[in-house]
């Protein structure tokens, strides 16, 4: 089976994993403690509908609890959204996260593509507005985009939201990596949320808990939120994951420290890779897209480094890869291995 996502360390023991974009600082101590302390509670079923998690998220974000839905990671919510709303025609951006298309296809939805161009560094432009039509039932966008790391400019995001609303289109904005950016409030759909919007967020990446899984959605109205809640299983979020979420909500300083580190290391990696003559679009996230020779991934694996192939996502032929921003020492090891593979 072809691996469509990163993070499969189980088949590659001993490798440094640059294929999954997880916070290199690891899990905050408060989250770790909350998870450990929750173990005795695992003899019970999880709290239905994540009421406590939704309460703390509501207080932090100023969004009513009846418009918040939690899931077993953001990808769980992607499938819930499509299953609940049963769109007949959907729009996805290319390059983009593969699960949007997968979820739509599973519900027999016709999928249309908005192709972001390499000459624009795979950035979303106002040409997307012409693709959101009255017969577009749902549109998936992502900021910062996965796998490119490009943000959608705030003014354009507002135009997209307005166009979707005017056409009766549900706009799903995936902000799973926005906590890694330097100005998340400015670039979030949160400030212009309307009734047709759904915002996806993830705690998995920023708090380094991919093995626990927790994502949540802010919905433009409670009717959509109720539909999403009913489309999934009752106990989709485990006891430890809910405990981790409650602890994580208060970790603002951890996020600030992460963003400062990621920004510095991302610039360091980008400059070094461009210095090797590689095509590296600008990124605002904790990962970097780049183009190199075909067959790089197995060469890097031979040097005990996992990277993610992005040929399918980019739609631009072979040679596109994505790496996570990791610790400085690991980033130096990646650059050394990369240079050897290029010149070898």
Protein backbone atom coordinates (compact mmCIF):
# COMPACT_ATOMS: atom_id res chain seq x y z
CA UNK A 1 0.00 0.00 0.00
CA UNK A 2 1.30 3.46 -0.93
CA UNK A 3 1.88 5.75 2.06
CA UNK A 4 -0.14 8.93 1.44
CA UNK A 5 0.73 10.57 4.76
CA UNK A 6 3.84 11.04 6.84
CA UNK A 7 4.58 9.78 10.33
CA UNK A 8 4.92 6.04 9.71
CA UNK A 9 7.91 5.52 12.00
CA UNK A 10 6.84 1.94 12.67
CA UNK A 11 8.08 0.68 9.30
CA UNK A 12 11.22 2.81 9.47
CA UNK A 13 12.82 2.28 12.90
CA UNK A 14 15.84 4.40 13.69
CA UNK A 15 14.95 7.17 11.26
CA UNK A 16 14.50 10.84 12.14
CA UNK A 17 10.96 11.70 11.09
CA UNK A 18 10.78 14.84 8.96
CA UNK A 19 7.66 13.48 7.24
CA UNK A 20 5.20 14.45 10.00
CA UNK A 21 4.89 18.13 10.96
CA UNK A 22 4.74 17.93 14.74
CA UNK A 23 6.03 20.47 17.28
CA UNK A 24 9.74 19.67 17.85
CA UNK A 25 9.40 20.78 21.50
CA UNK A 26 7.20 17.76 22.15
CA UNK A 27 4.29 17.62 24.54
CA UNK A 28 4.01 20.41 27.16
CA UNK A 29 4.54 19.13 30.71
CA UNK A 30 1.03 20.19 31.74
CA UNK A 31 -0.47 18.13 28.92
CA UNK A 32 1.72 15.14 29.73
CA UNK A 33 0.67 15.28 33.39
CA UNK A 34 -3.02 15.61 32.47
CA UNK A 35 -2.79 12.53 30.25
CA UNK A 36 -1.05 10.48 32.95
CA UNK A 37 -3.53 11.60 35.62
CA UNK A 38 -6.44 10.61 33.36
CA UNK A 39 -5.45 6.95 33.10
CA UNK A 40 -7.61 5.78 36.02
CA UNK A 41 -10.58 7.43 34.32
CA UNK A 42 -10.17 5.12 31.34
CA UNK A 43 -12.26 2.51 33.15
CA UNK A 44 -15.22 4.73 32.19
CA UNK A 45 -16.57 5.79 28.82
CA UNK A 46 -15.40 9.25 27.70
CA UNK A 47 -17.62 12.22 28.41
CA UNK A 48 -20.18 12.37 25.58
CA UNK A 49 -19.87 15.32 23.22
CA UNK A 50 -16.73 16.55 25.02
CA UNK A 51 -18.74 18.98 27.15
CA UNK A 52 -15.82 20.10 29.32
CA UNK A 53 -13.50 20.62 26.35
CA UNK A 54 -16.16 22.60 24.52
CA UNK A 55 -16.70 24.73 27.60
CA UNK A 56 -13.05 25.75 27.91
CA UNK A 57 -12.81 26.36 24.15
CA UNK A 58 -15.95 28.48 24.29
CA UNK A 59 -14.53 30.61 27.10
CA UNK A 60 -11.21 31.06 25.29
CA UNK A 61 -12.58 31.80 21.81
CA UNK A 62 -15.85 33.55 22.62
CA UNK A 63 -17.90 31.08 20.56
CA UNK A 64 -20.95 29.46 22.10
CA UNK A 65 -20.60 25.81 23.09
CA UNK A 66 -23.43 24.74 20.80
CA UNK A 67 -21.33 25.80 17.80
CA UNK A 68 -18.25 23.78 18.75
CA UNK A 69 -17.73 20.12 17.81
CA UNK A 70 -14.77 17.97 18.86
CA UNK A 71 -13.44 14.99 16.97
CA UNK A 72 -10.75 12.34 16.81
CA UNK A 73 -8.40 14.72 15.01
CA UNK A 74 -9.28 17.27 12.33
CA UNK A 75 -9.45 14.51 9.71
CA UNK A 76 -12.27 12.83 11.64
CA UNK A 77 -14.21 16.09 11.38
CA UNK A 78 -13.55 16.33 7.63
CA UNK A 79 -15.33 13.02 7.12
CA UNK A 80 -18.10 13.99 9.55
CA UNK A 81 -18.74 17.22 7.67
CA UNK A 82 -19.09 15.50 4.32
CA UNK A 83 -21.16 12.64 5.76
CA UNK A 84 -23.49 15.05 7.56
CA UNK A 85 -24.01 17.54 4.72
CA UNK A 86 -23.96 15.08 1.77
CA UNK A 87 -22.81 17.63 -0.85
CA UNK A 88 -23.30 16.78 -4.52
CA UNK A 89 -20.60 19.09 -5.86
CA UNK A 90 -17.45 20.07 -3.95
CA UNK A 91 -14.46 22.29 -4.61
CA UNK A 92 -10.94 21.51 -3.34
CA UNK A 93 -7.65 23.31 -3.80
CA UNK A 94 -4.68 21.66 -5.44
CA UNK A 95 -2.13 21.21 -3.99
CA UNK A 96 -3.99 20.38 -0.81
CA UNK A 97 -4.63 17.83 1.92
CA UNK A 98 -5.75 14.57 0.33
CA UNK A 99 -8.46 13.78 2.89
CA UNK A 100 -10.84 16.47 1.56
CA UNK A 101 -11.01 14.70 -1.78
CA UNK A 102 -11.14 11.25 -0.17
CA UNK A 103 -14.08 12.20 2.06
CA UNK A 104 -15.99 13.73 -0.85
CA UNK A 105 -15.42 10.73 -3.09
CA UNK A 106 -16.66 8.37 -0.38
CA UNK A 107 -19.99 10.21 -0.41
CA UNK A 108 -20.11 10.06 -4.23
CA UNK A 109 -19.68 13.81 -4.51
CA UNK A 110 -18.45 15.35 -7.77
CA UNK A 111 -15.09 16.97 -7.00
CA UNK A 112 -13.86 20.06 -8.83
CA UNK A 113 -10.31 21.39 -8.55
CA UNK A 114 -8.99 24.87 -8.06
CA UNK A 115 -5.38 24.60 -9.17
CA UNK A 116 -2.87 26.90 -7.51
CA UNK A 117 0.01 27.60 -9.87
CA UNK A 118 3.69 26.93 -9.35
CA UNK A 119 4.50 30.35 -10.80
CA UNK A 120 2.44 31.84 -7.93
CA UNK A 121 4.33 29.66 -5.42
CA UNK A 122 1.12 27.61 -5.10
CA UNK A 123 -0.73 30.53 -3.47
CA UNK A 124 -4.48 30.99 -3.53
CA UNK A 125 -5.42 34.01 -5.67
CA UNK A 126 -8.69 35.78 -6.42
CA UNK A 127 -9.19 33.41 -9.37
CA UNK A 128 -10.74 31.00 -6.85
CA UNK A 129 -13.79 33.25 -6.63
CA UNK A 130 -14.88 32.23 -10.14
CA UNK A 131 -14.82 28.58 -9.04
CA UNK A 132 -17.32 29.10 -6.19
CA UNK A 133 -20.63 28.91 -8.04
CA UNK A 134 -24.29 28.50 -7.09
CA UNK A 135 -23.98 24.75 -7.70
CA UNK A 136 -20.93 24.44 -5.40
CA UNK A 137 -22.30 22.82 -2.26
CA UNK A 138 -19.05 22.80 -0.30
CA UNK A 139 -15.60 24.30 -0.65
CA UNK A 140 -12.46 23.24 1.25
CA UNK A 141 -9.64 25.73 1.73
CA UNK A 142 -6.61 25.52 4.01
CA UNK A 143 -4.56 28.30 5.63
CA UNK A 144 -1.69 27.89 6.00
CA UNK A 145 -2.02 25.44 3.19
CA UNK A 146 -0.85 21.85 3.57
CA UNK A 147 1.59 20.98 1.98
CA UNK A 148 2.79 24.41 0.78
CA UNK A 149 2.64 26.45 4.01
CA UNK A 150 1.16 29.45 2.18
CA UNK A 151 -1.35 31.68 3.96
CA UNK A 152 -4.44 33.09 2.29
CA UNK A 153 -4.34 36.88 2.46
CA UNK A 154 -6.98 38.27 4.89
CA UNK A 155 -8.78 40.38 2.27
CA UNK A 156 -9.03 37.43 -0.12
CA UNK A 157 -10.26 35.20 2.71
CA UNK A 158 -13.05 37.70 3.37
CA UNK A 159 -14.01 37.71 -0.32
CA UNK A 160 -14.05 33.90 -0.40
CA UNK A 161 -16.30 33.76 2.67
CA UNK A 162 -18.66 36.32 1.15
CA UNK A 163 -18.78 34.54 -2.23
CA UNK A 164 -19.53 31.22 -0.50
CA UNK A 165 -22.28 32.80 1.58
CA UNK A 166 -23.89 34.50 -1.43
CA UNK A 167 -23.92 31.20 -3.34
CA UNK A 168 -25.17 29.08 -0.46
CA UNK A 169 -21.85 27.20 -0.34
CA UNK A 170 -20.53 25.72 2.90
CA UNK A 171 -16.97 26.99 3.32
CA UNK A 172 -14.66 24.72 5.31
CA UNK A 173 -11.45 26.50 6.30
CA UNK A 174 -8.80 24.14 7.66
CA UNK A 175 -6.60 26.02 10.12
CA UNK A 176 -4.86 22.97 11.59
CA UNK A 177 -1.43 24.63 11.40
CA UNK A 178 -2.37 28.25 12.07
CA UNK A 179 -1.01 28.18 15.64
CA UNK A 180 2.50 27.92 14.14
CA UNK A 181 2.11 31.21 12.27
CA UNK A 182 3.20 34.59 13.57
CA UNK A 183 -0.15 36.41 13.21
CA UNK A 184 -2.87 33.76 13.55
CA UNK A 185 -5.69 36.14 14.50
CA UNK A 186 -5.09 38.28 11.41
CA UNK A 187 -5.14 35.31 9.02
CA UNK A 188 -7.92 33.25 10.61
CA UNK A 189 -11.45 33.02 9.24
CA UNK A 190 -12.52 33.37 12.87
CA UNK A 191 -12.77 37.18 12.59
CA UNK A 192 -15.27 36.96 9.69
CA UNK A 193 -17.12 33.76 10.56
CA UNK A 194 -20.57 33.66 8.96
CA UNK A 195 -23.41 31.14 9.02
CA UNK A 196 -22.02 29.12 6.10
CA UNK A 197 -18.52 28.73 7.56
CA UNK A 198 -16.81 25.89 9.40
CA UNK A 199 -13.31 26.35 10.82
CA UNK A 200 -11.21 23.27 11.51
CA UNK A 201 -8.52 23.38 14.20
CA UNK A 202 -6.12 20.75 15.52
CA UNK A 203 -4.36 20.27 18.83
CA UNK A 204 -2.41 17.33 17.41
CA UNK A 205 0.37 19.32 15.72
CA UNK A 206 1.04 22.28 18.00
CA UNK A 207 0.94 20.21 21.21
CA UNK A 208 2.63 17.13 19.75
CA UNK A 209 -0.15 14.65 20.52
CA UNK A 210 -0.71 12.84 17.18
CA UNK A 211 -1.02 9.56 19.05
CA UNK A 212 -3.91 10.93 21.12
CA UNK A 213 -5.82 12.68 18.29
CA UNK A 214 -7.94 15.74 18.94
CA UNK A 215 -9.42 18.35 16.63
CA UNK A 216 -12.36 20.69 16.83
CA UNK A 217 -14.61 22.75 14.60
CA UNK A 218 -16.09 26.22 15.01
CA UNK A 219 -19.38 26.28 13.11
CA UNK A 220 -21.19 29.32 11.77
CA UNK A 221 -24.43 28.15 13.35
CA UNK A 222 -25.61 25.57 15.85
CA UNK A 223 -27.65 23.66 13.26
CA UNK A 224 -24.50 22.70 11.34
CA UNK A 225 -22.73 21.85 14.60
CA UNK A 226 -25.59 19.56 15.62
CA UNK A 227 -25.46 17.80 12.26
CA UNK A 228 -21.73 17.19 12.63
CA UNK A 229 -22.17 15.89 16.16
CA UNK A 230 -24.83 13.43 15.05
CA UNK A 231 -22.80 12.17 12.09
CA UNK A 232 -20.02 10.67 14.24
CA UNK A 233 -19.86 8.13 17.01
CA UNK A 234 -20.73 9.18 20.56
CA UNK A 235 -17.30 8.46 22.09
CA UNK A 236 -14.95 9.60 19.33
CA UNK A 237 -12.56 11.43 21.70
CA UNK A 238 -10.89 9.34 24.39
CA UNK A 239 -10.57 10.19 28.09
CA UNK A 240 -6.82 11.00 27.82
CA UNK A 241 -7.37 13.13 24.71
CA UNK A 242 -10.06 15.19 26.43
CA UNK A 243 -7.82 15.68 29.47
CA UNK A 244 -4.97 16.75 27.19
CA UNK A 245 -7.22 19.28 25.45
CA UNK A 246 -8.34 20.94 28.69
CA UNK A 247 -4.72 21.31 29.81
CA UNK A 248 -3.52 22.52 26.41
CA UNK A 249 -5.97 25.40 26.14
CA UNK A 250 -4.02 27.37 28.74
CA UNK A 251 -0.58 26.87 27.16
CA UNK A 252 -0.26 30.28 25.47
CA UNK A 253 3.38 30.78 26.45
CA UNK A 254 4.29 27.37 25.02
CA UNK A 255 2.76 28.43 21.70
CA UNK A 256 4.60 31.77 21.69
CA UNK A 257 7.92 30.03 22.34
CA UNK A 258 7.18 27.48 19.61
CA UNK A 259 6.32 30.12 17.01
CA UNK A 260 9.53 32.09 17.67
CA UNK A 261 11.65 28.95 17.33
CA UNK A 262 9.85 27.63 14.24
CA UNK A 263 10.13 30.99 12.47
CA UNK A 264 13.90 31.15 13.01
CA UNK A 265 14.56 27.54 12.02
CA UNK A 266 12.24 27.73 8.99
CA UNK A 267 14.20 30.72 7.66
CA UNK A 268 17.47 28.90 8.32
CA UNK A 269 16.34 25.77 6.45
CA UNK A 270 14.81 27.71 3.57
CA UNK A 271 17.94 29.77 3.00
CA UNK A 272 20.18 26.71 3.16
CA UNK A 273 18.05 24.71 0.72
CA UNK A 274 17.81 27.59 -1.72
CA UNK A 275 21.57 27.86 -1.44
CA UNK A 276 21.72 24.31 -2.80
CA UNK A 277 19.77 25.49 -5.85
CA UNK A 278 16.43 24.00 -4.84
CA UNK A 279 13.00 25.47 -5.52
CA UNK A 280 11.54 26.35 -2.09
CA UNK A 281 8.29 28.36 -1.92
CA UNK A 282 7.82 30.61 1.11
CA UNK A 283 6.09 28.92 4.05
CA UNK A 284 4.39 30.35 7.14
CA UNK A 285 3.94 26.97 8.83
CA UNK A 286 6.15 24.42 10.58
CA UNK A 287 6.90 22.62 7.33
CA UNK A 288 8.58 23.41 4.01
CA UNK A 289 7.73 22.28 0.48
CA UNK A 290 10.62 21.92 -1.95
CA UNK A 291 11.48 20.43 -5.32
CA UNK A 292 14.47 18.18 -5.82
CA UNK A 293 15.39 15.24 -8.00
CA UNK A 294 13.07 12.29 -8.37
CA UNK A 295 13.82 9.40 -6.05
CA UNK A 296 15.10 11.57 -3.19
CA UNK A 297 12.93 9.96 -0.50
CA UNK A 298 14.57 6.49 -0.56
CA UNK A 299 18.01 8.08 -0.74
CA UNK A 300 17.26 10.10 2.39
CA UNK A 301 15.80 7.04 4.08
CA UNK A 302 19.10 5.28 3.51
CA UNK A 303 20.59 8.10 5.57
CA UNK A 304 17.96 7.46 8.29
CA UNK A 305 15.82 10.50 7.50
CA UNK A 306 12.15 10.29 6.50
CA UNK A 307 10.70 12.97 4.24
CA UNK A 308 7.26 13.17 2.69
CA UNK A 309 6.65 12.80 -1.01
CA UNK A 310 4.13 15.33 -2.32
CA UNK A 311 3.85 14.35 -5.98
CA UNK A 312 0.13 13.65 -5.70
CA UNK A 313 -0.71 16.81 -3.77
CA UNK A 314 1.14 19.21 -6.06
CA UNK A 315 -0.02 17.69 -9.32
CA UNK A 316 3.20 19.02 -10.84
CA UNK A 317 5.05 15.81 -11.56
CA UNK A 318 7.79 14.10 -9.63
CA UNK A 319 10.26 15.76 -7.34
CA UNK A 320 8.14 17.64 -4.76
CA UNK A 321 8.71 16.90 -1.09
CA UNK A 322 7.72 18.27 2.31
CA UNK A 323 9.77 18.35 5.47
CA UNK A 324 8.93 19.36 9.02
CA UNK A 325 10.91 21.99 10.90
CA UNK A 326 12.58 20.09 13.72
CA UNK A 327 15.26 20.86 16.29
CA UNK A 328 18.33 22.78 15.11
CA UNK A 329 20.56 19.74 15.52
CA UNK A 330 18.18 17.57 13.51
CA UNK A 331 17.80 20.26 10.86
CA UNK A 332 21.59 20.32 10.46
CA UNK A 333 21.57 16.54 10.02
CA UNK A 334 18.85 16.85 7.38
CA UNK A 335 20.79 19.48 5.44
CA UNK A 336 23.98 17.41 5.53
CA UNK A 337 22.15 14.31 4.26
CA UNK A 338 20.34 16.33 1.60
CA UNK A 339 23.56 17.82 0.28
CA UNK A 340 25.13 14.36 0.09
CA UNK A 341 22.12 13.04 -1.85
CA UNK A 342 22.18 15.95 -4.27
CA UNK A 343 25.89 15.74 -4.94
CA UNK A 344 26.19 11.98 -4.72
